[in-house]
Protein backbone atom coordinates (compact mmCIF):
# COMPACT_ATOMS: atom_id res chain seq x y z
CA UNK A 1 100.51 114.22 105.81
CA UNK A 2 100.09 117.97 105.13
CA UNK A 3 103.63 118.72 105.82
CA UNK A 4 104.18 116.26 102.97
CA UNK A 5 101.85 117.66 100.60
CA UNK A 6 103.20 121.34 101.07
CA UNK A 7 106.66 120.10 100.41
CA UNK A 8 106.18 118.26 97.54
CA UNK A 9 104.54 121.88 96.32
CA UNK A 10 107.75 123.69 97.49
CA UNK A 11 109.68 120.98 95.45
CA UNK A 12 107.75 121.64 92.14
CA UNK A 13 108.33 125.47 92.58
CA UNK A 14 111.95 124.80 93.09
CA UNK A 15 112.24 122.53 89.71
CA UNK A 16 110.64 125.29 87.82
CA UNK A 17 113.45 128.01 89.54
CA UNK A 18 115.66 124.82 88.53
CA UNK A 19 114.60 124.87 85.00
CA UNK A 20 114.67 128.39 84.18
CA UNK A 21 118.62 128.53 85.54
CA UNK A 22 119.07 125.54 82.97
CA UNK A 23 119.42 122.26 85.57
CA UNK A 24 117.24 119.95 84.03
CA UNK A 25 118.77 117.30 85.73
CA UNK A 26 118.80 118.87 89.14
CA UNK A 27 115.21 120.11 88.45
CA UNK A 28 113.77 116.17 87.09
CA UNK A 29 115.57 115.08 90.92
CA UNK A 30 113.20 117.72 92.67
CA UNK A 31 110.06 116.53 90.72
CA UNK A 32 110.84 112.90 91.30
CA UNK A 33 111.00 113.48 94.99
CA UNK A 34 107.64 115.67 95.06
CA UNK A 35 106.38 112.93 93.48
CA UNK A 36 107.73 110.18 96.30
CA UNK A 37 106.25 112.77 98.61
CA UNK A 38 102.87 112.58 96.86
CA UNK A 39 102.28 109.23 96.48
CA UNK A 40 102.25 108.24 100.18
CA UNK A 41 105.86 105.96 99.87
CA UNK A 42 107.35 108.35 101.95
CA UNK A 43 105.93 108.62 105.73
CA UNK A 44 106.15 111.18 108.18
CA UNK A 45 108.01 110.63 111.20
CA UNK A 46 108.04 114.22 112.23
CA UNK A 47 106.28 113.63 115.48
CA UNK A 48 107.61 110.28 116.33
CA UNK A 49 111.29 111.79 116.08
CA UNK A 50 109.95 114.90 118.28
CA UNK A 51 108.86 112.73 120.89
CA UNK A 52 112.02 110.66 121.02
CA UNK A 53 114.25 113.69 121.42
CA UNK A 54 112.00 114.91 124.00
CA UNK A 55 111.72 111.67 126.04
CA UNK A 56 115.63 111.58 125.88
CA UNK A 57 116.30 115.07 127.14
CA UNK A 58 113.95 114.47 129.87
CA UNK A 59 115.85 111.60 131.03
């Protein structure tokens, strides 16, 4: 969950930069993505994917 919160924070920072460059649509997309990450609607599957990749390479 910490990864998702960190990613949401970075998305919000990126949205500020995009707004300062006049790219409102892209900034809104970044804000929306940050909201999704914080809401819990997105699952962090990093560990599961990493395990599958490790398993595949051991074979």
